[in-house]
Amino acid sequence: MRFIMQAAINMAVFLACALLFPNGFVLANMTTALVAAVLLALLNRLIKPILVFVSLPLVIISLGFFLLIINTVLLELTAHIIHGFAFASFGWAMLVAILLTVANFLFMGQTKISVRR
């Protein structure tokens, strides 16, 4: 359930950024946004923990700022895999990563998923 919510939030942020920043962020269509959102959610689940573990000293020294760099790199990786999903520069990818972080903090923090047994 959290995976679906994260993918939905990612897609909403991608669509909003494509409308707000047409010169810095290219998004071909809604299908591309959906595929990119699901891929980014998968990368965040599978690859991000490994990257955080490997770069833990940098994360600690930078007081967590390096996590933003990791998020940006994962966004760039998504852009290289998905055709029709691209950034004009690393700075634009970082801006989208910041907006994704804020959106996930706001909306995922509000959601409590519990399982009754």
PDB file of N, CA and C in Angstrom:
ATOM      1  N   MET A   1       0.817  -1.191   0.000  1.00  0.00           N
ATOM      2  CA  MET A   1       0.000   0.000   0.000  1.00  0.00           C
ATOM      3  C   MET A   1       0.863   1.258   0.000  1.00  0.00           C
ATOM      4  N   ARG A   2       1.937   1.243   0.798  1.00  0.00           N
ATOM      5  CA  ARG A   2       2.823   2.411   0.826  1.00  0.00           C
ATOM      6  C   ARG A   2       3.510   2.608  -0.518  1.00  0.00           C
ATOM      7  N   PHE A   3       3.821   1.515  -1.199  1.00  0.00           N
ATOM      8  CA  PHE A   3       4.455   1.600  -2.512  1.00  0.00           C
ATOM      9  C   PHE A   3       3.543   2.311  -3.504  1.00  0.00           C
ATOM     10  N   ILE A   4       2.259   1.958  -3.491  1.00  0.00           N
ATOM     11  CA  ILE A   4       1.291   2.584  -4.393  1.00  0.00           C
ATOM     12  C   ILE A   4       1.136   4.059  -4.060  1.00  0.00           C
ATOM     13  N   MET A   5       1.088   4.376  -2.766  1.00  0.00           N
ATOM     14  CA  MET A   5       0.984   5.788  -2.368  1.00  0.00           C
ATOM     15  C   MET A   5       2.221   6.571  -2.801  1.00  0.00           C
ATOM     16  N   GLN A   6       3.396   5.988  -2.617  1.00  0.00           N
ATOM     17  CA  GLN A   6       4.620   6.678  -3.004  1.00  0.00           C
ATOM     18  C   GLN A   6       4.662   6.887  -4.517  1.00  0.00           C
ATOM     19  N   ALA A   7       4.254   5.890  -5.289  1.00  0.00           N
ATOM     20  CA  ALA A   7       4.227   6.031  -6.743  1.00  0.00           C
ATOM     21  C   ALA A   7       3.219   7.101  -7.170  1.00  0.00           C
ATOM     22  N   ALA A   8       2.072   7.162  -6.502  1.00  0.00           N
ATOM     23  CA  ALA A   8       1.065   8.176  -6.829  1.00  0.00           C
ATOM     24  C   ALA A   8       1.576   9.581  -6.512  1.00  0.00           C
ATOM     25  N   ILE A   9       2.240   9.736  -5.387  1.00  0.00           N
ATOM     26  CA  ILE A   9       2.811  11.038  -5.032  1.00  0.00           C
ATOM     27  C   ILE A   9       3.899  11.418  -6.027  1.00  0.00           C
ATOM     28  N   ASN A  10       4.752  10.462  -6.390  1.00  0.00           N
ATOM     29  CA  ASN A  10       5.794  10.731  -7.383  1.00  0.00           C
ATOM     30  C   ASN A  10       5.185  11.196  -8.701  1.00  0.00           C
ATOM     31  N   MET A  11       4.142  10.519  -9.141  1.00  0.00           N
ATOM     32  CA  MET A  11       3.497  10.880 -10.399  1.00  0.00           C
ATOM     33  C   MET A  11       2.897  12.280 -10.327  1.00  0.00           C
ATOM     34  N   ALA A  12       2.242  12.605  -9.223  1.00  0.00           N
ATOM     35  CA  ALA A  12       1.655  13.936  -9.068  1.00  0.00           C
ATOM     36  C   ALA A  12       2.730  15.019  -9.100  1.00  0.00           C
ATOM     37  N   VAL A  13       3.847  14.773  -8.437  1.00  0.00           N
ATOM     38  CA  VAL A  13       4.943  15.752  -8.442  1.00  0.00           C
ATOM     39  C   VAL A  13       5.536  15.872  -9.839  1.00  0.00           C
ATOM     40  N   PHE A  14       5.688  14.764 -10.552  1.00  0.00           N
ATOM     41  CA  PHE A  14       6.214  14.820 -11.917  1.00  0.00           C
ATOM     42  C   PHE A  14       5.308  15.644 -12.821  1.00  0.00           C
ATOM     43  N   LEU A  15       4.004  15.427 -12.719  1.00  0.00           N
ATOM     44  CA  LEU A  15       3.062  16.182 -13.549  1.00  0.00           C
ATOM     45  C   LEU A  15       3.082  17.667 -13.194  1.00  0.00           C
ATOM     46  N   ALA A  16       3.133  17.974 -11.902  1.00  0.00           N
ATOM     47  CA  ALA A  16       3.181  19.377 -11.481  1.00  0.00           C
ATOM     48  C   ALA A  16       4.468  20.049 -11.951  1.00  0.00           C
ATOM     49  N   CYS A  17       5.584  19.361 -11.830  1.00  0.00           N
ATOM     50  CA  CYS A  17       6.867  19.937 -12.254  1.00  0.00           C
ATOM     51  C   CYS A  17       6.925  20.126 -13.761  1.00  0.00           C
ATOM     52  N   ALA A  18       6.309  19.219 -14.514  1.00  0.00           N
ATOM     53  CA  ALA A  18       6.278  19.366 -15.970  1.00  0.00           C
ATOM     54  C   ALA A  18       5.488  20.605 -16.370  1.00  0.00           C
ATOM     55  N   LEU A  19       4.439  20.919 -15.608  1.00  0.00           N
ATOM     56  CA  LEU A  19       3.661  22.130 -15.891  1.00  0.00           C
ATOM     57  C   LEU A  19       4.371  23.390 -15.409  1.00  0.00           C
ATOM     58  N   LEU A  20       5.009  23.321 -14.253  1.00  0.00           N
ATOM     59  CA  LEU A  20       5.652  24.500 -13.672  1.00  0.00           C
ATOM     60  C   LEU A  20       7.000  24.832 -14.313  1.00  0.00           C
ATOM     61  N   PHE A  21       7.743  23.824 -14.720  1.00  0.00           N
ATOM     62  CA  PHE A  21       9.098  24.027 -15.241  1.00  0.00           C
ATOM     63  C   PHE A  21       9.252  23.385 -16.620  1.00  0.00           C
ATOM     64  N   PRO A  22       8.579  23.906 -17.650  1.00  0.00           N
ATOM     65  CA  PRO A  22       8.653  23.254 -18.966  1.00  0.00           C
ATOM     66  C   PRO A  22      10.039  23.323 -19.609  1.00  0.00           C
ATOM     67  N   ASN A  23      10.870  24.274 -19.219  1.00  0.00           N
ATOM     68  CA  ASN A  23      12.211  24.382 -19.801  1.00  0.00           C
ATOM     69  C   ASN A  23      13.223  23.481 -19.107  1.00  0.00           C
ATOM     70  N   GLY A  24      12.950  23.073 -17.888  1.00  0.00           N
ATOM     71  CA  GLY A  24      13.918  22.293 -17.138  1.00  0.00           C
ATOM     72  C   GLY A  24      13.586  20.827 -17.000  1.00  0.00           C
ATOM     73  N   PHE A  25      12.326  20.476 -17.236  1.00  0.00           N
ATOM     74  CA  PHE A  25      11.874  19.105 -17.004  1.00  0.00           C
ATOM     75  C   PHE A  25      10.980  18.681 -18.156  1.00  0.00           C
ATOM     76  N   VAL A  26      11.342  17.604 -18.831  1.00  0.00           N
ATOM     77  CA  VAL A  26      10.589  17.116 -19.983  1.00  0.00           C
ATOM     78  C   VAL A  26       9.843  15.846 -19.588  1.00  0.00           C
ATOM     79  N   LEU A  27       8.550  15.866 -19.824  1.00  0.00           N
ATOM     80  CA  LEU A  27       7.705  14.707 -19.553  1.00  0.00           C
ATOM     81  C   LEU A  27       6.810  14.521 -20.765  1.00  0.00           C
ATOM     82  N   ALA A  28       6.941  13.384 -21.453  1.00  0.00           N
ATOM     83  CA  ALA A  28       6.250  13.175 -22.723  1.00  0.00           C
ATOM     84  C   ALA A  28       4.732  13.094 -22.555  1.00  0.00           C
ATOM     85  N   ASN A  29       4.265  12.276 -21.622  1.00  0.00           N
ATOM     86  CA  ASN A  29       2.822  12.115 -21.430  1.00  0.00           C
ATOM     87  C   ASN A  29       2.550  11.503 -20.057  1.00  0.00           C
ATOM     88  N   MET A  30       1.274  11.243 -19.794  1.00  0.00           N
ATOM     89  CA  MET A  30       0.899  10.710 -18.476  1.00  0.00           C
ATOM     90  C   MET A  30       1.390   9.278 -18.278  1.00  0.00           C
ATOM     91  N   THR A  31       1.438   8.512 -19.344  1.00  0.00           N
ATOM     92  CA  THR A  31       1.941   7.143 -19.229  1.00  0.00           C
ATOM     93  C   THR A  31       3.410   7.144 -18.829  1.00  0.00           C
ATOM     94  N   THR A  32       4.167   8.057 -19.423  1.00  0.00           N
ATOM     95  CA  THR A  32       5.578   8.192 -19.059  1.00  0.00           C
ATOM     96  C   THR A  32       5.712   8.580 -17.594  1.00  0.00           C
ATOM     97  N   ALA A  33       4.846   9.476 -17.130  1.00  0.00           N
ATOM     98  CA  ALA A  33       4.873   9.880 -15.722  1.00  0.00           C
ATOM     99  C   ALA A  33       4.581   8.689 -14.810  1.00  0.00           C
ATOM    100  N   LEU A  34       3.616   7.860 -15.188  1.00  0.00           N
ATOM    101  CA  LEU A  34       3.273   6.684 -14.384  1.00  0.00           C
ATOM    102  C   LEU A  34       4.428   5.683 -14.340  1.00  0.00           C
ATOM    103  N   VAL A  35       5.009   5.391 -15.498  1.00  0.00           N
ATOM    104  CA  VAL A  35       6.114   4.430 -15.553  1.00  0.00           C
ATOM    105  C   VAL A  35       7.315   4.959 -14.775  1.00  0.00           C
ATOM    106  N   ALA A  36       7.619   6.248 -14.932  1.00  0.00           N
ATOM    107  CA  ALA A  36       8.746   6.844 -14.206  1.00  0.00           C
ATOM    108  C   ALA A  36       8.493   6.845 -12.701  1.00  0.00           C
ATOM    109  N   ALA A  37       7.260   7.114 -12.293  1.00  0.00           N
ATOM    110  CA  ALA A  37       6.930   7.121 -10.865  1.00  0.00           C
ATOM    111  C   ALA A  37       7.080   5.735 -10.253  1.00  0.00           C
ATOM    112  N   VAL A  38       6.621   4.716 -10.955  1.00  0.00           N
ATOM    113  CA  VAL A  38       6.745   3.342 -10.451  1.00  0.00           C
ATOM    114  C   VAL A  38       8.211   2.923 -10.415  1.00  0.00           C
ATOM    115  N   LEU A  39       8.969   3.264 -11.475  1.00  0.00           N
ATOM    116  CA  LEU A  39      10.389   2.912 -11.500  1.00  0.00           C
ATOM    117  C   LEU A  39      11.145   3.611 -10.375  1.00  0.00           C
ATOM    118  N   LEU A  40      10.862   4.898 -10.151  1.00  0.00           N
ATOM    119  CA  LEU A  40      11.537   5.617  -9.070  1.00  0.00           C
ATOM    120  C   LEU A  40      11.181   5.016  -7.710  1.00  0.00           C
ATOM    121  N   ALA A  41       9.936   4.636  -7.523  1.00  0.00           N
ATOM    122  CA  ALA A  41       9.543   3.995  -6.261  1.00  0.00           C
ATOM    123  C   ALA A  41      10.280   2.666  -6.080  1.00  0.00           C
ATOM    124  N   LEU A  42      10.441   1.913  -7.163  1.00  0.00           N
ATOM    125  CA  LEU A  42      11.204   0.659  -7.090  1.00  0.00           C
ATOM    126  C   LEU A  42      12.670   0.916  -6.764  1.00  0.00           C
ATOM    127  N   LEU A  43      13.265   1.901  -7.423  1.00  0.00           N
ATOM    128  CA  LEU A  43      14.663   2.236  -7.148  1.00  0.00           C
ATOM    129  C   LEU A  43      14.840   2.692  -5.702  1.00  0.00           C
ATOM    130  N   ASN A  44      13.864   3.451  -5.206  1.00  0.00           N
ATOM    131  CA  ASN A  44      13.936   3.897  -3.812  1.00  0.00           C
ATOM    132  C   ASN A  44      13.850   2.722  -2.845  1.00  0.00           C
ATOM    133  N   ARG A  45      13.104   1.691  -3.200  1.00  0.00           N
ATOM    134  CA  ARG A  45      12.968   0.515  -2.329  1.00  0.00           C
ATOM    135  C   ARG A  45      14.175  -0.417  -2.417  1.00  0.00           C
ATOM    136  N   LEU A  46      14.749  -0.548  -3.621  1.00  0.00           N
ATOM    137  CA  LEU A  46      15.785  -1.557  -3.834  1.00  0.00           C
ATOM    138  C   LEU A  46      17.212  -1.010  -3.756  1.00  0.00           C
ATOM    139  N   ILE A  47      17.469   0.109  -4.417  1.00  0.00           N
ATOM    140  CA  ILE A  47      18.841   0.603  -4.549  1.00  0.00           C
ATOM    141  C   ILE A  47      19.194   1.651  -3.502  1.00  0.00           C
ATOM    142  N   LYS A  48      18.234   2.481  -3.122  1.00  0.00           N
ATOM    143  CA  LYS A  48      18.532   3.569  -2.188  1.00  0.00           C
ATOM    144  C   LYS A  48      19.101   3.084  -0.854  1.00  0.00           C
ATOM    145  N   PRO A  49      18.570   2.025  -0.237  1.00  0.00           N
ATOM    146  CA  PRO A  49      19.175   1.579   1.033  1.00  0.00           C
ATOM    147  C   PRO A  49      20.644   1.184   0.886  1.00  0.00           C
ATOM    148  N   ILE A  50      20.991   0.591  -0.240  1.00  0.00           N
ATOM    149  CA  ILE A  50      22.390   0.217  -0.474  1.00  0.00           C
ATOM    150  C   ILE A  50      23.252   1.463  -0.619  1.00  0.00           C
ATOM    151  N   LEU A  51      22.761   2.446  -1.393  1.00  0.00           N
ATOM    152  CA  LEU A  51      23.517   3.690  -1.575  1.00  0.00           C
ATOM    153  C   LEU A  51      23.687   4.445  -0.260  1.00  0.00           C
ATOM    154  N   VAL A  52      22.643   4.458   0.555  1.00  0.00           N
ATOM    155  CA  VAL A  52      22.733   5.143   1.852  1.00  0.00           C
ATOM    156  C   VAL A  52      23.739   4.437   2.752  1.00  0.00           C
ATOM    157  N   PHE A  53      23.718   3.112   2.757  1.00  0.00           N
ATOM    158  CA  PHE A  53      24.660   2.363   3.593  1.00  0.00           C
ATOM    159  C   PHE A  53      26.102   2.602   3.151  1.00  0.00           C
ATOM    160  N   VAL A  54      26.335   2.556   1.846  1.00  0.00           N
ATOM    161  CA  VAL A  54      27.694   2.746   1.327  1.00  0.00           C
ATOM    162  C   VAL A  54      28.197   4.162   1.598  1.00  0.00           C
ATOM    163  N   SER A  55      27.307   5.142   1.498  1.00  0.00           N
ATOM    164  CA  SER A  55      27.718   6.538   1.672  1.00  0.00           C
ATOM    165  C   SER A  55      27.392   7.085   3.060  1.00  0.00           C
ATOM    166  N   LEU A  56      27.187   6.218   4.030  1.00  0.00           N
ATOM    167  CA  LEU A  56      26.812   6.650   5.377  1.00  0.00           C
ATOM    168  C   LEU A  56      27.765   7.678   5.983  1.00  0.00           C
ATOM    169  N   PRO A  57      29.083   7.537   5.834  1.00  0.00           N
ATOM    170  CA  PRO A  57      29.955   8.588   6.380  1.00  0.00           C
ATOM    171  C   PRO A  57      29.683   9.969   5.767  1.00  0.00           C
ATOM    172  N   LEU A  58      29.425  10.016   4.454  1.00  0.00           N
ATOM    173  CA  LEU A  58      29.111  11.298   3.815  1.00  0.00           C
ATOM    174  C   LEU A  58      27.773  11.849   4.293  1.00  0.00           C
ATOM    175  N   VAL A  59      26.811  10.970   4.500  1.00  0.00           N
ATOM    176  CA  VAL A  59      25.504  11.402   4.999  1.00  0.00           C
ATOM    177  C   VAL A  59      25.651  11.998   6.394  1.00  0.00           C
ATOM    178  N   ILE A  60      26.442  11.362   7.234  1.00  0.00           N
ATOM    179  CA  ILE A  60      26.640  11.854   8.604  1.00  0.00           C
ATOM    180  C   ILE A  60      27.400  13.173   8.604  1.00  0.00           C
ATOM    181  N   ILE A  61      28.478  13.250   7.827  1.00  0.00           N
ATOM    182  CA  ILE A  61      29.285  14.480   7.787  1.00  0.00           C
ATOM    183  C   ILE A  61      28.475  15.658   7.254  1.00  0.00           C
ATOM    184  N   SER A  62      27.627  15.400   6.254  1.00  0.00           N
ATOM    185  CA  SER A  62      26.840  16.482   5.656  1.00  0.00           C
ATOM    186  C   SER A  62      25.518  16.722   6.381  1.00  0.00           C
ATOM    187  N   LEU A  63      25.313  16.040   7.486  1.00  0.00           N
ATOM    188  CA  LEU A  63      24.079  16.161   8.276  1.00  0.00           C
ATOM    189  C   LEU A  63      22.828  15.837   7.450  1.00  0.00           C
ATOM    190  N   GLY A  64      22.957  14.858   6.577  1.00  0.00           N
ATOM    191  CA  GLY A  64      21.824  14.399   5.797  1.00  0.00           C
ATOM    192  C   GLY A  64      21.677  15.028   4.432  1.00  0.00           C
ATOM    193  N   PHE A  65      22.458  16.063   4.129  1.00  0.00           N
ATOM    194  CA  PHE A  65      22.335  16.713   2.825  1.00  0.00           C
ATOM    195  C   PHE A  65      22.674  15.750   1.692  1.00  0.00           C
ATOM    196  N   PHE A  66      23.567  14.822   1.935  1.00  0.00           N
ATOM    197  CA  PHE A  66      23.961  13.879   0.888  1.00  0.00           C
ATOM    198  C   PHE A  66      22.798  12.984   0.467  1.00  0.00           C
ATOM    199  N   LEU A  67      21.785  12.827   1.311  1.00  0.00           N
ATOM    200  CA  LEU A  67      20.592  12.072   0.922  1.00  0.00           C
ATOM    201  C   LEU A  67      19.896  12.735  -0.265  1.00  0.00           C
ATOM    202  N   LEU A  68      19.933  14.068  -0.323  1.00  0.00           N
ATOM    203  CA  LEU A  68      19.370  14.792  -1.458  1.00  0.00           C
ATOM    204  C   LEU A  68      20.146  14.469  -2.734  1.00  0.00           C
ATOM    205  N   ILE A  69      21.458  14.352  -2.617  1.00  0.00           N
ATOM    206  CA  ILE A  69      22.276  13.980  -3.773  1.00  0.00           C
ATOM    207  C   ILE A  69      21.916  12.568  -4.230  1.00  0.00           C
ATOM    208  N   ILE A  70      21.717  11.657  -3.292  1.00  0.00           N
ATOM    209  CA  ILE A  70      21.327  10.285  -3.642  1.00  0.00           C
ATOM    210  C   ILE A  70      19.972  10.285  -4.348  1.00  0.00           C
ATOM    211  N   ASN A  71      19.013  11.056  -3.839  1.00  0.00           N
ATOM    212  CA  ASN A  71      17.701  11.150  -4.486  1.00  0.00           C
ATOM    213  C   ASN A  71      17.826  11.709  -5.898  1.00  0.00           C
ATOM    214  N   THR A  72      18.688  12.706  -6.072  1.00  0.00           N
ATOM    215  CA  THR A  72      18.887  13.302  -7.387  1.00  0.00           C
ATOM    216  C   THR A  72      19.515  12.300  -8.349  1.00  0.00           C
ATOM    217  N   VAL A  73      20.477  11.542  -7.870  1.00  0.00           N
ATOM    218  CA  VAL A  73      21.108  10.520  -8.714  1.00  0.00           C
ATOM    219  C   VAL A  73      20.086   9.460  -9.131  1.00  0.00           C
ATOM    220  N   LEU A  74      19.207   9.068  -8.226  1.00  0.00           N
ATOM    221  CA  LEU A  74      18.167   8.094  -8.575  1.00  0.00           C
ATOM    222  C   LEU A  74      17.189   8.673  -9.598  1.00  0.00           C
ATOM    223  N   LEU A  75      16.892   9.969  -9.489  1.00  0.00           N
ATOM    224  CA  LEU A  75      16.047  10.621 -10.494  1.00  0.00           C
ATOM    225  C   LEU A  75      16.737  10.638 -11.851  1.00  0.00           C
ATOM    226  N   GLU A  76      18.021  10.962 -11.865  1.00  0.00           N
ATOM    227  CA  GLU A  76      18.778  10.966 -13.123  1.00  0.00           C
ATOM    228  C   GLU A  76      18.844   9.560 -13.717  1.00  0.00           C
ATOM    229  N   LEU A  77      19.003   8.546 -12.877  1.00  0.00           N
ATOM    230  CA  LEU A  77      19.008   7.165 -13.353  1.00  0.00           C
ATOM    231  C   LEU A  77      17.661   6.817 -13.981  1.00  0.00           C
ATOM    232  N   THR A  78      16.587   7.246 -13.350  1.00  0.00           N
ATOM    233  CA  THR A  78      15.251   7.043 -13.909  1.00  0.00           C
ATOM    234  C   THR A  78      15.125   7.737 -15.256  1.00  0.00           C
ATOM    235  N   ALA A  79      15.660   8.950 -15.360  1.00  0.00           N
ATOM    236  CA  ALA A  79      15.592   9.701 -16.615  1.00  0.00           C
ATOM    237  C   ALA A  79      16.388   9.015 -17.723  1.00  0.00           C
ATOM    238  N   HIS A  80      17.486   8.359 -17.368  1.00  0.00           N
ATOM    239  CA  HIS A  80      18.272   7.653 -18.384  1.00  0.00           C
ATOM    240  C   HIS A  80      17.580   6.375 -18.849  1.00  0.00           C
ATOM    241  N   ILE A  81      16.769   5.783 -18.002  1.00  0.00           N
ATOM    242  CA  ILE A  81      16.093   4.535 -18.360  1.00  0.00           C
ATOM    243  C   ILE A  81      14.811   4.796 -19.145  1.00  0.00           C
ATOM    244  N   ILE A  82      14.043   5.805 -18.746  1.00  0.00           N
ATOM    245  CA  ILE A  82      12.730   6.077 -19.332  1.00  0.00           C
ATOM    246  C   ILE A  82      12.864   7.093 -20.462  1.00  0.00           C
ATOM    247  N   HIS A  83      12.396   6.731 -21.637  1.00  0.00           N
ATOM    248  CA  HIS A  83      12.383   7.657 -22.771  1.00  0.00           C
ATOM    249  C   HIS A  83      11.207   8.626 -22.596  1.00  0.00           C
ATOM    250  N   GLY A  84      11.444   9.912 -22.802  1.00  0.00           N
ATOM    251  CA  GLY A  84      10.402  10.922 -22.638  1.00  0.00           C
ATOM    252  C   GLY A  84      10.351  11.508 -21.242  1.00  0.00           C
ATOM    253  N   PHE A  85      11.343  11.204 -20.433  1.00  0.00           N
ATOM    254  CA  PHE A  85      11.447  11.709 -19.060  1.00  0.00           C
ATOM    255  C   PHE A  85      12.879  12.194 -18.905  1.00  0.00           C
ATOM    256  N   ALA A  86      13.067  13.530 -18.875  1.00  0.00           N
ATOM    257  CA  ALA A  86      14.434  14.059 -18.885  1.00  0.00           C
ATOM    258  C   ALA A  86      14.515  15.378 -18.134  1.00  0.00           C
ATOM    259  N   PHE A  87      15.729  15.695 -17.716  1.00  0.00           N
ATOM    260  CA  PHE A  87      16.027  16.950 -17.042  1.00  0.00           C
ATOM    261  C   PHE A  87      17.019  17.732 -17.887  1.00  0.00           C
ATOM    262  N   ALA A  88      16.900  19.063 -17.862  1.00  0.00           N
ATOM    263  CA  ALA A  88      17.825  19.903 -18.621  1.00  0.00           C
ATOM    264  C   ALA A  88      19.207  19.906 -17.990  1.00  0.00           C
ATOM    265  N   SER A  89      19.266  19.770 -16.672  1.00  0.00           N
ATOM    266  CA  SER A  89      20.556  19.762 -15.980  1.00  0.00           C
ATOM    267  C   SER A  89      20.398  19.054 -14.633  1.00  0.00           C
ATOM    268  N   PHE A  90      21.531  18.848 -13.980  1.00  0.00           N
ATOM    269  CA  PHE A  90      21.520  18.228 -12.655  1.00  0.00           C
ATOM    270  C   PHE A  90      20.787  19.121 -11.650  1.00  0.00           C
ATOM    271  N   GLY A  91      20.869  20.431 -11.839  1.00  0.00           N
ATOM    272  CA  GLY A  91      20.179  21.374 -10.954  1.00  0.00           C
ATOM    273  C   GLY A  91      18.664  21.216 -11.001  1.00  0.00           C
ATOM    274  N   TRP A  92      18.131  21.011 -12.208  1.00  0.00           N
ATOM    275  CA  TRP A  92      16.688  20.789 -12.325  1.00  0.00           C
ATOM    276  C   TRP A  92      16.290  19.479 -11.662  1.00  0.00           C
ATOM    277  N   ALA A  93      17.127  18.462 -11.815  1.00  0.00           N
ATOM    278  CA  ALA A  93      16.846  17.183 -11.158  1.00  0.00           C
ATOM    279  C   ALA A  93      16.874  17.349  -9.640  1.00  0.00           C
ATOM    280  N   MET A  94      17.793  18.179  -9.151  1.00  0.00           N
ATOM    281  CA  MET A  94      17.870  18.417  -7.711  1.00  0.00           C
ATOM    282  C   MET A  94      16.625  19.158  -7.216  1.00  0.00           C
ATOM    283  N   LEU A  95      16.133  20.121  -7.998  1.00  0.00           N
ATOM    284  CA  LEU A  95      14.917  20.835  -7.620  1.00  0.00           C
ATOM    285  C   LEU A  95      13.730  19.873  -7.543  1.00  0.00           C
ATOM    286  N   VAL A  96      13.601  18.991  -8.517  1.00  0.00           N
ATOM    287  CA  VAL A  96      12.517  18.007  -8.492  1.00  0.00           C
ATOM    288  C   VAL A  96      12.699  17.048  -7.316  1.00  0.00           C
ATOM    289  N   ALA A  97      13.936  16.684  -7.005  1.00  0.00           N
ATOM    290  CA  ALA A  97      14.197  15.813  -5.850  1.00  0.00           C
ATOM    291  C   ALA A  97      13.780  16.496  -4.550  1.00  0.00           C
ATOM    292  N   ILE A  98      14.033  17.791  -4.441  1.00  0.00           N
ATOM    293  CA  ILE A  98      13.608  18.542  -3.250  1.00  0.00           C
ATOM    294  C   ILE A  98      12.087  18.534  -3.145  1.00  0.00           C
ATOM    295  N   LEU A  99      11.409  18.796  -4.259  1.00  0.00           N
ATOM    296  CA  LEU A  99       9.946  18.805  -4.245  1.00  0.00           C
ATOM    297  C   LEU A  99       9.377  17.418  -3.936  1.00  0.00           C
ATOM    298  N   LEU A 100      10.012  16.372  -4.466  1.00  0.00           N
ATOM    299  CA  LEU A 100       9.584  15.006  -4.138  1.00  0.00           C
ATOM    300  C   LEU A 100       9.757  14.712  -2.654  1.00  0.00           C
ATOM    301  N   THR A 101      10.866  15.156  -2.096  1.00  0.00           N
ATOM    302  CA  THR A 101      11.125  14.930  -0.672  1.00  0.00           C
ATOM    303  C   THR A 101      10.080  15.630   0.186  1.00  0.00           C
ATOM    304  N   VAL A 102       9.776  16.872  -0.153  1.00  0.00           N
ATOM    305  CA  VAL A 102       8.776  17.632   0.608  1.00  0.00           C
ATOM    306  C   VAL A 102       7.398  16.981   0.478  1.00  0.00           C
ATOM    307  N   ALA A 103       7.021  16.603  -0.742  1.00  0.00           N
ATOM    308  CA  ALA A 103       5.705  15.986  -0.952  1.00  0.00           C
ATOM    309  C   ALA A 103       5.593  14.652  -0.217  1.00  0.00           C
ATOM    310  N   ASN A 104       6.630  13.834  -0.297  1.00  0.00           N
ATOM    311  CA  ASN A 104       6.595  12.553   0.417  1.00  0.00           C
ATOM    312  C   ASN A 104       6.554  12.760   1.922  1.00  0.00           C
ATOM    313  N   PHE A 105       7.264  13.757   2.425  1.00  0.00           N
ATOM    314  CA  PHE A 105       7.235  14.050   3.858  1.00  0.00           C
ATOM    315  C   PHE A 105       5.835  14.480   4.289  1.00  0.00           C
ATOM    316  N   LEU A 106       5.213  15.348   3.497  1.00  0.00           N
ATOM    317  CA  LEU A 106       3.897  15.863   3.866  1.00  0.00           C
ATOM    318  C   LEU A 106       2.810  14.797   3.779  1.00  0.00           C
ATOM    319  N   PHE A 107       2.798  14.040   2.687  1.00  0.00           N
ATOM    320  CA  PHE A 107       1.688  13.125   2.462  1.00  0.00           C
ATOM    321  C   PHE A 107       1.912  11.735   3.045  1.00  0.00           C
ATOM    322  N   MET A 108       3.130  11.240   3.013  1.00  0.00           N
ATOM    323  CA  MET A 108       3.386   9.912   3.578  1.00  0.00           C
ATOM    324  C   MET A 108       3.415   9.966   5.103  1.00  0.00           C
ATOM    325  N   GLY A 109       3.785  11.100   5.662  1.00  0.00           N
ATOM    326  CA  GLY A 109       3.788  11.245   7.114  1.00  0.00           C
ATOM    327  C   GLY A 109       2.387  11.271   7.692  1.00  0.00           C
ATOM    328  N   GLN A 110       1.425  11.705   6.886  1.00  0.00           N
ATOM    329  CA  GLN A 110       0.039  11.783   7.334  1.00  0.00           C
ATOM    330  C   GLN A 110      -0.661  10.431   7.264  1.00  0.00           C
ATOM    331  N   THR A 111      -0.093   9.514   6.517  1.00  0.00           N
ATOM    332  CA  THR A 111      -0.745   8.236   6.267  1.00  0.00           C
ATOM    333  C   THR A 111      -0.254   7.179   7.241  1.00  0.00           C
ATOM    334  N   LYS A 112      -1.167   6.600   7.958  1.00  0.00           N
ATOM    335  CA  LYS A 112      -0.849   5.490   8.846  1.00  0.00           C
ATOM    336  C   LYS A 112      -1.564   4.259   8.301  1.00  0.00           C
ATOM    337  N   ILE A 113      -0.781   3.282   7.947  1.00  0.00           N
ATOM    338  CA  ILE A 113      -1.341   2.047   7.415  1.00  0.00           C
ATOM    339  C   ILE A 113      -1.197   0.972   8.481  1.00  0.00           C
ATOM    340  N   SER A 114      -2.322   0.431   8.909  1.00  0.00           N
ATOM    341  CA  SER A 114      -2.279  -0.601   9.945  1.00  0.00           C
ATOM    342  C   SER A 114      -2.984  -1.854   9.436  1.00  0.00           C
ATOM    343  N   VAL A 115      -2.523  -2.958   9.935  1.00  0.00           N
ATOM    344  CA  VAL A 115      -3.101  -4.244   9.558  1.00  0.00           C
ATOM    345  C   VAL A 115      -3.725  -4.852  10.803  1.00  0.00           C
ATOM    346  N   ARG A 116      -4.990  -5.182  10.716  1.00  0.00           N
ATOM    347  CA  ARG A 116      -5.682  -5.817  11.836  1.00  0.00           C
ATOM    348  C   ARG A 116      -5.589  -7.315  11.682  1.00  0.00           C
ATOM    349  N   ARG A 117      -5.337  -7.969  12.779  1.00  0.00           N
ATOM    350  CA  ARG A 117      -5.246  -9.436  12.748  1.00  0.00           C
ATOM    351  C   ARG A 117      -6.263 -10.020  13.673  1.00  0.00           C
TER     352      ARG A 117
END
